[in-house]
N, C-alpha and C. Protein backbone atom coordinates (compact mmCIF):
# COMPACT_ATOMS: atom_id res chain seq x y z
N UNK A 1 150.96 90.22 67.79
CA UNK A 1 150.24 88.97 68.12
C UNK A 1 150.97 88.36 69.54
N UNK A 2 150.13 88.74 70.39
CA UNK A 2 150.43 88.09 71.61
C UNK A 2 149.79 87.11 72.18
N UNK A 3 150.89 86.23 73.37
CA UNK A 3 150.30 85.43 73.96
C UNK A 3 150.37 85.99 74.81
N UNK A 4 149.82 86.65 75.71
CA UNK A 4 149.52 86.56 77.57
C UNK A 4 148.53 85.77 78.21
N UNK A 5 148.49 85.11 79.50
CA UNK A 5 147.33 84.78 80.20
C UNK A 5 147.53 85.89 81.01
N UNK A 6 146.72 86.52 81.21
CA UNK A 6 146.48 87.24 82.21
C UNK A 6 145.03 87.19 82.88
N UNK A 7 144.93 86.86 84.35
CA UNK A 7 143.65 87.13 84.69
C UNK A 7 143.01 88.98 84.99
N UNK A 8 141.90 88.57 84.53
CA UNK A 8 141.09 89.67 84.34
C UNK A 8 140.22 90.42 85.54
N UNK A 9 140.19 91.16 85.50
CA UNK A 9 139.57 91.78 87.12
C UNK A 9 139.24 92.94 86.70
N UNK A 10 139.24 94.22 87.46
CA UNK A 10 138.41 95.30 87.22
C UNK A 10 139.49 96.07 86.69
N UNK A 11 140.41 96.02 86.95
CA UNK A 11 141.90 96.64 86.23
C UNK A 11 142.85 95.53 85.26
N UNK A 12 143.19 95.90 83.74
CA UNK A 12 143.82 94.96 83.46
C UNK A 12 145.26 95.98 82.97
N UNK A 13 146.18 95.26 82.71
CA UNK A 13 147.57 95.88 82.58
C UNK A 13 147.46 95.91 81.06
N UNK A 14 147.77 97.50 81.17
CA UNK A 14 147.91 97.90 79.96
C UNK A 14 149.35 98.09 78.85
N UNK A 15 149.81 97.55 79.49
CA UNK A 15 151.16 97.76 79.11
C UNK A 15 151.37 96.87 77.64
N UNK A 16 150.76 95.96 77.37
CA UNK A 16 150.90 95.62 76.05
C UNK A 16 149.64 95.63 75.08
N UNK A 17 148.57 96.72 75.51
CA UNK A 17 147.11 96.70 74.99
C UNK A 17 147.48 97.61 74.15
N UNK A 18 146.75 97.28 72.91
CA UNK A 18 146.85 98.98 72.53
C UNK A 18 146.05 99.61 72.70
N UNK A 19 145.25 100.96 71.79
CA UNK A 19 144.41 102.16 72.30
C UNK A 19 143.11 101.66 72.13
N UNK A 20 142.86 101.18 71.37
CA UNK A 20 141.61 100.54 71.22
C UNK A 20 141.57 99.79 72.42
N UNK A 21 142.13 98.57 72.62
CA UNK A 21 142.00 97.85 73.72
C UNK A 21 141.87 98.59 74.73
N UNK A 22 142.19 99.84 75.15
CA UNK A 22 142.33 100.14 76.56
C UNK A 22 140.76 101.24 76.29
N UNK A 23 140.64 101.72 75.26
CA UNK A 23 139.09 102.14 75.29
C UNK A 23 137.92 100.73 75.59
N UNK A 24 138.73 100.07 75.13
CA UNK A 24 136.95 98.98 75.45
C UNK A 24 137.22 98.41 76.76
N UNK A 25 138.59 98.61 77.20
CA UNK A 25 138.60 97.96 78.79
C UNK A 25 137.80 99.23 79.36
N UNK A 26 138.12 100.22 79.22
CA UNK A 26 137.72 101.59 79.73
C UNK A 26 136.27 101.47 79.99
N UNK A 27 135.15 101.22 78.69
CA UNK A 27 134.05 100.87 78.53
C UNK A 27 133.26 99.78 79.81
N UNK A 28 134.19 98.65 80.01
CA UNK A 28 133.92 97.70 80.55
C UNK A 28 133.95 98.23 81.46
N UNK A 29 134.69 98.72 82.35
CA UNK A 29 135.51 99.05 83.82
C UNK A 29 133.85 100.47 84.09
N UNK A 30 133.68 101.07 83.56
CA UNK A 30 132.42 102.33 83.48
C UNK A 30 131.60 101.74 84.25
N UNK A 31 131.00 100.40 82.89
CA UNK A 31 130.07 99.91 83.96
C UNK A 31 130.26 99.02 85.17
N UNK A 32 131.12 98.98 86.09
CA UNK A 32 131.54 98.29 86.89
C UNK A 32 131.08 97.04 87.05
N UNK A 33 131.73 96.68 85.52
CA UNK A 33 131.81 94.97 85.30
C UNK A 33 132.80 94.19 85.84
N UNK A 34 132.61 93.26 86.45
CA UNK A 34 134.42 92.49 86.55
C UNK A 34 134.64 91.44 85.90
N UNK A 35 134.97 90.88 85.08
CA UNK A 35 135.34 89.83 84.75
C UNK A 35 136.49 89.16 85.50
N UNK A 36 135.89 87.94 85.53
CA UNK A 36 137.12 86.70 86.18
C UNK A 36 137.17 85.74 85.00
N UNK A 37 137.80 85.90 84.00
CA UNK A 37 138.42 84.90 83.67
C UNK A 37 139.43 84.67 82.90
N UNK A 38 140.36 83.87 81.95
CA UNK A 38 141.29 84.14 81.55
C UNK A 38 141.37 84.16 80.10
N UNK A 39 141.81 85.46 79.20
CA UNK A 39 141.48 85.45 78.14
C UNK A 39 142.65 85.08 77.15
N UNK A 40 142.79 84.88 76.34
CA UNK A 40 144.05 85.10 75.64
C UNK A 40 143.88 85.72 74.55
N UNK A 41 145.14 87.00 74.62
CA UNK A 41 145.12 88.34 73.86
C UNK A 41 145.60 88.10 72.41
N UNK A 42 145.14 88.23 71.70
CA UNK A 42 145.54 87.56 70.29
C UNK A 42 145.91 89.02 69.33
N UNK A 43 144.77 89.90 69.45
CA UNK A 43 144.45 91.07 68.96
C UNK A 43 143.72 91.60 69.30
N UNK A 44 143.68 93.14 68.60
CA UNK A 44 142.58 94.17 69.51
C UNK A 44 141.04 93.73 69.34
N UNK A 45 140.88 92.86 68.28
CA UNK A 45 139.76 92.59 67.53
C UNK A 45 138.82 91.30 68.30
N UNK A 46 140.33 90.76 68.84
CA UNK A 46 139.67 89.35 69.37
C UNK A 46 139.26 89.90 70.49
N UNK A 47 139.84 90.66 71.50
CA UNK A 47 139.50 91.35 72.74
C UNK A 47 138.06 91.31 72.73
N UNK A 48 138.12 92.98 71.82
CA UNK A 48 136.66 93.56 71.70
C UNK A 48 135.99 92.80 71.61
N UNK A 49 136.00 91.40 70.62
CA UNK A 49 135.05 91.14 70.70
C UNK A 49 134.47 89.83 71.72
N UNK A 50 135.38 89.72 72.33
CA UNK A 50 134.55 88.82 73.90
C UNK A 50 134.63 89.66 74.85
N UNK A 51 134.99 91.07 74.53
CA UNK A 51 134.37 92.07 75.63
C UNK A 51 132.68 92.17 75.12
N UNK A 52 132.60 92.67 74.42
CA UNK A 52 130.89 92.66 73.60
C UNK A 52 130.59 91.36 73.94
N UNK A 53 130.79 90.31 74.09
CA UNK A 53 130.12 89.32 74.31
C UNK A 53 129.54 89.37 75.81
N UNK A 54 130.51 89.22 76.34
CA UNK A 54 130.77 89.59 77.57
C UNK A 54 129.59 90.51 78.24
N UNK A 55 129.64 91.88 77.63
CA UNK A 55 128.79 92.58 77.53
C UNK A 55 127.29 92.61 77.71
N UNK A 56 127.39 91.90 76.48
CA UNK A 56 125.85 91.38 76.05
C UNK A 56 125.31 90.58 76.34
N UNK A 57 126.32 89.70 77.08
CA UNK A 57 126.30 88.87 78.13
C UNK A 57 124.82 89.05 79.37
N UNK A 58 125.47 90.16 79.98
CA UNK A 58 125.49 90.54 81.33
C UNK A 58 124.26 91.90 80.98
N UNK A 59 124.09 92.49 80.05
CA UNK A 59 122.90 92.88 79.19
C UNK A 59 121.58 92.20 79.41
N UNK A 60 122.05 90.82 78.77
CA UNK A 60 120.69 89.93 78.56
C UNK A 60 120.36 89.32 79.95
N UNK A 61 121.00 89.28 81.26
CA UNK A 61 121.10 89.20 82.26
C UNK A 61 119.97 90.60 83.57
N UNK A 62 120.50 91.46 82.82
CA UNK A 62 119.72 92.82 83.77
C UNK A 62 118.64 92.92 82.54
N UNK A 63 118.28 92.43 81.53
CA UNK A 63 117.67 93.13 80.46
C UNK A 63 116.39 91.96 81.42
N UNK A 64 116.69 90.49 81.71
CA UNK A 64 115.27 90.29 82.23
C UNK A 64 115.21 90.06 83.36
N UNK A 65 115.99 90.51 84.69
CA UNK A 65 115.99 90.90 85.71
C UNK A 65 114.58 92.40 85.63
N UNK A 66 114.69 93.55 84.98
CA UNK A 66 114.10 93.99 84.44
C UNK A 66 112.83 93.87 83.89
N UNK A 67 112.86 93.15 83.21
CA UNK A 67 111.29 92.62 82.65
C UNK A 67 110.34 91.77 84.09
N UNK A 68 111.44 91.17 84.71
CA UNK A 68 110.68 90.80 85.99
C UNK A 68 109.90 91.29 86.95
N UNK A 69 111.24 92.49 87.22
CA UNK A 69 110.62 93.45 87.78
C UNK A 69 109.06 94.15 87.33
N UNK A 70 108.89 94.70 86.02
CA UNK A 70 108.36 94.94 85.13
C UNK A 70 106.87 94.33 85.42
N UNK A 71 107.01 92.71 84.95
CA UNK A 71 105.46 92.31 85.72
C UNK A 71 105.83 92.16 87.05
N UNK A 72 105.95 91.98 87.85
CA UNK A 72 105.97 92.55 89.19
C UNK A 72 105.06 93.46 89.68
N UNK A 73 105.37 94.78 89.45
CA UNK A 73 104.52 95.82 89.14
C UNK A 73 103.23 95.64 88.57
N UNK A 74 103.20 95.63 87.40
CA UNK A 74 102.00 95.04 86.53
C UNK A 74 101.41 94.44 87.57
N UNK A 75 101.13 93.25 88.08
CA UNK A 75 100.24 92.18 89.04
C UNK A 75 100.40 92.90 90.17
N UNK A 76 101.37 93.62 90.84
CA UNK A 76 100.81 94.89 91.97
C UNK A 76 99.68 95.69 91.98
N UNK A 77 99.95 96.30 90.39
CA UNK A 77 99.28 96.96 90.04
C UNK A 77 97.53 96.68 89.89
N UNK A 78 97.46 94.92 89.38
CA UNK A 78 96.14 95.09 89.27
C UNK A 78 95.49 94.62 90.81
N UNK A 79 96.28 93.40 91.70
CA UNK A 79 95.98 93.38 92.85
C UNK A 79 95.40 95.00 93.31
N UNK A 80 95.92 95.57 93.47
CA UNK A 80 95.77 97.30 94.26
C UNK A 80 94.69 97.57 93.49
N UNK A 81 94.49 97.54 92.62
CA UNK A 81 92.88 98.20 91.78
C UNK A 81 91.68 97.55 92.11
N UNK A 82 91.91 95.95 92.09
CA UNK A 82 91.38 94.67 93.00
C UNK A 82 90.63 95.17 93.66
N UNK A 83 91.48 95.61 94.70
CA UNK A 83 91.59 94.87 96.30
C UNK A 83 90.97 96.12 96.75
N UNK A 84 91.25 97.47 96.37
CA UNK A 84 90.64 98.73 96.50
C UNK A 84 89.20 98.37 96.08
N UNK A 85 88.82 98.51 94.58
CA UNK A 85 87.53 98.34 93.99
C UNK A 85 86.79 97.64 94.89
N UNK A 86 87.51 96.21 95.41
CA UNK A 86 86.36 95.40 96.34
C UNK A 86 85.62 96.08 97.36
N UNK A 87 86.41 96.88 98.11
CA UNK A 87 86.39 97.50 99.25
C UNK A 87 85.58 99.07 99.25
N UNK A 88 85.65 98.77 97.70
CA UNK A 88 84.47 100.17 97.64
C UNK A 88 85.05 101.82 98.47
N UNK A 89 86.87 101.48 97.70
CA UNK A 89 87.55 102.21 98.01
C UNK A 89 87.07 103.85 97.17
N UNK A 90 87.07 104.88 98.08
CA UNK A 90 86.48 105.90 96.46
C UNK A 90 87.68 106.13 95.32
N UNK A 91 87.76 106.81 94.02
CA UNK A 91 88.90 106.60 93.05
C UNK A 91 88.39 107.51 91.75
N UNK A 92 89.63 108.44 91.87
CA UNK A 92 88.98 109.88 90.95
C UNK A 92 89.22 109.05 89.59
N UNK A 93 88.54 109.33 88.54
CA UNK A 93 89.70 108.98 86.81
C UNK A 93 89.84 110.01 86.50
N UNK A 94 91.09 110.14 86.12
CA UNK A 94 91.46 110.82 85.06
C UNK A 94 91.56 111.03 83.76
N UNK A 95 90.62 111.00 82.76
CA UNK A 95 90.60 110.50 81.57
C UNK A 95 92.04 110.94 80.93
N UNK A 96 91.61 109.96 79.71
CA UNK A 96 93.51 110.84 78.70
C UNK A 96 93.58 111.61 78.18
N UNK A 97 92.26 112.02 77.93
CA UNK A 97 91.96 113.82 77.23
C UNK A 97 92.70 114.86 77.96
N UNK A 98 92.58 114.47 79.33
CA UNK A 98 93.04 115.57 81.00
C UNK A 98 94.76 116.04 80.24
N UNK A 99 95.40 115.22 79.48
CA UNK A 99 96.58 115.60 78.31
C UNK A 99 97.05 116.75 78.20
N UNK A 100 95.65 116.77 77.19
CA UNK A 100 95.39 118.14 76.06
C UNK A 100 95.31 119.35 77.55
N UNK A 101 94.72 118.90 78.50
CA UNK A 101 94.17 120.54 79.37
C UNK A 101 95.08 121.03 79.80
N UNK A 102 96.38 119.41 80.38
CA UNK A 102 97.73 120.07 81.43
C UNK A 102 98.51 121.28 80.72
N UNK A 103 98.86 121.77 79.53
CA UNK A 103 99.61 121.56 78.82
C UNK A 103 98.89 123.60 79.02
N UNK A 104 98.04 123.98 79.38
CA UNK A 104 97.61 125.10 79.99
C UNK A 104 97.39 125.42 81.68
N UNK A 105 98.10 124.63 81.72
CA UNK A 105 97.68 124.59 83.41
C UNK A 105 98.61 124.22 84.08
N UNK A 106 99.42 125.43 85.10
CA UNK A 106 100.34 125.13 86.12
C UNK A 106 100.67 123.82 86.66
N UNK A 107 101.51 124.00 87.45
CA UNK A 107 101.30 122.20 88.25
C UNK A 107 100.53 122.36 89.57
N UNK A 108 100.11 123.88 89.96
CA UNK A 108 99.73 124.22 91.80
C UNK A 108 98.10 123.44 90.94
N UNK A 109 97.53 124.40 89.98
CA UNK A 109 95.84 123.75 89.16
C UNK A 109 95.97 122.49 89.36
N UNK A 110 97.03 121.94 88.26
CA UNK A 110 96.56 120.47 88.68
C UNK A 110 96.40 119.72 89.60
N UNK A 111 97.74 120.02 90.87
CA UNK A 111 97.03 119.40 92.13
C UNK A 111 95.89 119.60 92.64
N UNK A 112 95.11 120.88 92.38
CA UNK A 112 93.85 121.27 92.73
C UNK A 112 92.60 120.63 92.33
N UNK A 113 93.03 120.70 91.24
CA UNK A 113 91.99 119.34 90.43
C UNK A 113 91.97 117.94 90.86
N UNK A 114 93.07 117.40 91.07
CA UNK A 114 93.35 116.25 91.15
C UNK A 114 92.33 116.58 92.95
N UNK A 115 92.74 117.64 93.80
CA UNK A 115 92.29 117.55 95.06
C UNK A 115 90.61 117.57 95.24
N UNK A 116 89.92 118.25 93.86
CA UNK A 116 88.77 118.36 94.00
C UNK A 116 87.93 116.73 93.46
N UNK A 117 88.75 116.32 92.42
CA UNK A 117 88.19 115.00 91.78
C UNK A 117 88.44 114.03 93.40
N UNK A 118 89.65 114.40 93.64
CA UNK A 118 89.25 113.21 94.95
C UNK A 118 88.01 113.46 96.41
N UNK A 119 87.96 114.29 96.59
CA UNK A 119 87.28 114.93 97.25
C UNK A 119 85.77 115.22 96.96
N UNK A 120 85.39 114.70 95.79
CA UNK A 120 84.03 115.02 95.38
C UNK A 120 83.26 113.81 95.75
N UNK A 121 81.73 114.27 95.32
CA UNK A 121 81.04 113.15 94.92
C UNK A 121 81.41 112.85 93.34
N UNK A 122 81.12 110.94 93.36
CA UNK A 122 81.83 110.58 92.24
C UNK A 122 80.23 110.40 91.43
N UNK A 123 79.41 110.53 92.51
CA UNK A 123 78.14 110.58 91.16
C UNK A 123 78.00 112.17 90.41
N UNK A 124 78.06 113.34 91.33
CA UNK A 124 77.67 114.38 90.91
C UNK A 124 78.45 115.25 90.55
N UNK A 125 79.78 114.83 91.22
CA UNK A 125 80.97 115.69 90.59
C UNK A 125 81.13 117.03 91.37
N UNK A 126 80.83 117.06 92.60
CA UNK A 126 80.58 118.53 93.04
C UNK A 126 81.98 117.89 94.45
N UNK A 127 82.15 119.29 94.94
CA UNK A 127 82.81 119.29 96.21
C UNK A 127 82.57 120.62 97.02
N UNK A 128 82.03 120.34 98.37
CA UNK A 128 81.73 121.39 99.29
C UNK A 128 83.34 122.08 100.07
N UNK A 129 84.20 121.77 100.04
CA UNK A 129 85.09 122.43 100.53
C UNK A 129 85.42 123.86 100.64
N UNK A 130 85.57 124.40 101.46
CA UNK A 130 85.73 126.08 101.62
C UNK A 130 87.12 126.18 101.06
N UNK A 131 87.58 127.03 100.61
CA UNK A 131 88.84 127.46 100.50
C UNK A 131 89.47 127.54 101.44
N UNK A 132 89.45 127.71 102.65
CA UNK A 132 90.16 127.98 103.56
C UNK A 132 90.60 126.41 103.99
N UNK A 133 89.61 125.08 104.17
CA UNK A 133 89.85 124.17 104.20
C UNK A 133 90.93 123.44 102.68
N UNK A 134 90.67 123.90 101.71
CA UNK A 134 91.45 123.96 101.05
C UNK A 134 92.80 123.59 101.14
N UNK A 135 92.90 125.25 101.53
CA UNK A 135 94.13 125.57 101.55
C UNK A 135 95.11 125.55 102.81
N UNK A 136 94.57 124.73 104.14
CA UNK A 136 94.60 124.28 104.80
C UNK A 136 95.34 122.65 104.59
N UNK A 137 94.80 121.70 103.93
CA UNK A 137 94.96 120.53 103.30
C UNK A 137 95.78 120.48 102.43
N UNK A 138 96.21 121.49 101.09
CA UNK A 138 97.13 121.92 100.56
C UNK A 138 98.32 122.39 101.37
N UNK A 139 98.40 122.38 102.14
CA UNK A 139 99.48 123.78 102.90
C UNK A 139 99.92 124.86 102.18
N UNK A 140 98.86 125.68 101.46
CA UNK A 140 99.24 126.86 100.80
C UNK A 140 98.36 127.62 101.14
N UNK A 141 98.52 129.05 100.88
CA UNK A 141 97.47 130.07 100.79
C UNK A 141 96.38 130.19 99.99
N UNK A 142 95.04 131.05 100.76
CA UNK A 142 94.02 130.87 100.46
C UNK A 142 93.78 131.98 98.86
N UNK A 143 94.87 132.60 99.05
CA UNK A 143 94.92 133.21 97.79
C UNK A 143 95.46 132.32 96.60
N UNK A 144 96.55 131.61 96.79
CA UNK A 144 96.63 130.93 95.98
C UNK A 144 96.17 129.86 95.33
N UNK A 145 95.35 129.31 96.43
CA UNK A 145 94.14 128.55 96.14
C UNK A 145 92.78 129.41 94.87
N UNK A 146 92.97 130.62 95.50
CA UNK A 146 92.00 131.18 94.70
C UNK A 146 92.36 131.59 92.70
N UNK A 147 94.05 131.90 92.86
CA UNK A 147 94.81 131.81 91.74
C UNK A 147 94.32 130.50 91.31
N UNK A 148 94.52 129.27 91.19
CA UNK A 148 94.45 128.17 91.06
C UNK A 148 93.18 127.88 90.72
N UNK A 149 92.28 128.34 91.40
CA UNK A 149 90.61 128.03 90.98
C UNK A 149 90.56 129.14 89.61
N UNK A 150 90.89 130.23 89.24
CA UNK A 150 90.34 131.32 88.19
C UNK A 150 91.09 130.26 87.67
N UNK A 151 92.54 129.64 87.82
CA UNK A 151 93.30 128.99 86.41
C UNK A 151 92.45 127.95 85.88
N UNK A 152 92.21 126.88 86.37
CA UNK A 152 90.97 126.16 86.46
C UNK A 152 89.67 126.28 85.29
N UNK A 153 89.19 127.37 86.37
CA UNK A 153 87.46 127.84 85.79
C UNK A 153 87.78 128.54 84.14
N UNK A 154 89.31 129.26 83.80
CA UNK A 154 89.13 129.79 82.71
C UNK A 154 89.35 129.06 81.47
N UNK A 155 89.75 127.52 82.09
CA UNK A 155 90.04 126.55 81.37
C UNK A 155 89.20 125.43 81.16
N UNK A 156 87.84 126.14 81.84
CA UNK A 156 86.76 125.57 81.90
C UNK A 156 86.71 123.79 82.45
N UNK A 157 87.37 123.68 83.05
CA UNK A 157 87.42 122.07 84.06
C UNK A 157 87.08 122.48 85.68
N UNK A 158 86.81 123.33 85.83
CA UNK A 158 85.93 123.52 87.39
C UNK A 158 84.40 124.29 86.84
N UNK A 159 83.38 124.15 88.14
CA UNK A 159 82.53 125.61 88.39
C UNK A 159 82.02 125.82 89.61
N UNK A 160 82.49 127.14 90.16
CA UNK A 160 82.44 127.58 91.31
C UNK A 160 81.23 127.70 91.49
N UNK A 161 79.72 127.52 92.59
CA UNK A 161 78.93 127.86 92.53
C UNK A 161 78.48 127.96 93.74
N UNK A 162 78.14 129.26 94.65
CA UNK A 162 77.18 129.43 96.10
C UNK A 162 75.83 129.16 95.72
N UNK A 163 75.18 127.97 96.50
CA UNK A 163 74.13 127.72 96.47
C UNK A 163 73.38 128.83 97.45
N UNK A 164 73.87 128.36 98.31
CA UNK A 164 72.88 129.15 99.72
C UNK A 164 73.68 130.74 99.86
N UNK A 165 72.84 131.87 100.61
CA UNK A 165 73.21 132.77 101.17
C UNK A 165 73.84 132.73 102.48
N UNK A 166 75.38 133.06 101.89
CA UNK A 166 76.57 132.93 103.30
C UNK A 166 77.11 131.69 103.62
N UNK A 167 76.95 130.89 102.39
CA UNK A 167 78.04 129.50 102.70
C UNK A 167 79.06 129.30 101.35
N UNK A 168 79.88 128.54 101.82
CA UNK A 168 80.93 128.26 101.15
C UNK A 168 80.19 127.81 99.52
N UNK A 169 80.98 128.02 98.61
CA UNK A 169 80.93 127.89 97.08
C UNK A 169 80.70 125.97 97.38
N UNK A 170 79.98 125.86 95.88
CA UNK A 170 80.53 124.21 95.34
C UNK A 170 81.55 124.07 94.76
N UNK A 171 82.22 122.85 94.46
CA UNK A 171 82.73 123.01 93.16
C UNK A 171 82.97 121.85 92.25
N UNK A 172 82.14 122.16 91.51
CA UNK A 172 81.52 120.93 90.02
C UNK A 172 82.84 120.55 89.07
N UNK A 173 83.11 119.80 89.21
CA UNK A 173 83.86 119.32 87.93
C UNK A 173 83.37 119.19 86.91
N UNK A 174 83.58 120.47 85.71
CA UNK A 174 82.81 120.37 84.51
C UNK A 174 83.61 118.96 83.42
N UNK A 175 82.83 117.99 83.19
CA UNK A 175 83.29 116.52 81.94
C UNK A 175 84.22 117.91 80.80
N UNK A 176 85.68 117.04 80.29
CA UNK A 176 86.49 117.38 79.64
C UNK A 176 86.52 116.45 78.49
N UNK A 177 86.11 115.61 78.13
CA UNK A 177 85.98 114.64 77.18
C UNK A 177 85.90 115.37 75.95
N UNK A 178 86.53 115.42 74.73
CA UNK A 178 85.95 115.60 73.59
C UNK A 178 85.60 114.71 72.97
N UNK A 179 85.15 113.90 73.23
CA UNK A 179 84.43 112.64 72.46
C UNK A 179 82.92 113.04 73.32
N UNK A 180 82.88 112.87 74.42
CA UNK A 180 81.64 113.08 75.75
C UNK A 180 81.33 114.28 75.08
N UNK A 181 81.58 115.68 75.20
CA UNK A 181 81.03 116.60 74.57
C UNK A 181 80.54 116.58 72.87
N UNK A 182 81.42 116.65 72.16
CA UNK A 182 80.59 116.23 70.60
C UNK A 182 79.73 115.45 70.78
N UNK A 183 79.45 113.64 71.87
CA UNK A 183 78.27 113.08 71.10
C UNK A 183 77.37 114.10 71.98
N UNK A 184 77.54 114.69 72.89
CA UNK A 184 76.38 115.55 74.05
C UNK A 184 75.80 116.40 72.89
N UNK A 185 77.03 117.22 72.11
CA UNK A 185 76.36 117.94 70.93
C UNK A 185 75.30 117.73 70.30
N UNK A 186 75.82 116.36 69.52
CA UNK A 186 74.89 115.87 68.60
C UNK A 186 73.73 115.22 69.02
N UNK A 187 73.55 115.32 70.04
CA UNK A 187 72.10 114.80 71.15
C UNK A 187 71.41 116.02 71.04
N UNK A 188 71.57 117.15 70.95
CA UNK A 188 70.98 118.24 71.44
C UNK A 188 70.38 119.14 70.15
């Protein structure tokens, strides 16, 4: 049983501290937590309980800051969404069923799908950009864009149609939500 008064900072004298205490102090120091308190070291369990209490106190403080930050993000997102909606900014919804499609697509094809969504008419779901325009906007080659288009077409997410002779094709986004398709089939 020790009766030492030591000022605790980031480093603690390990001359009289057992191995268990050293481990607890190492954990504390790796968290970059500095304790400025006097501790009466009675035995290793007492020191560990003091360290655990201080760690828990700091974690609660960090946790509160994290919760405040999360609430701030929620508020900002709500304000941002309302601002864009009120100013009639265009948007492209990606419905939750899309996560089922993602496992079959490359990251490039997903980027292209989002591109089509952002540049398509919100009512008709069609985009009239040429392959060259898309390639230039995405900083990719026309061949890469063509490969991604084939990937999206094979997964039945888009369809490209050439409506007029010698004109660029139009890309149509095809509905992919299972519930919608199921209800549509029931009605037909």
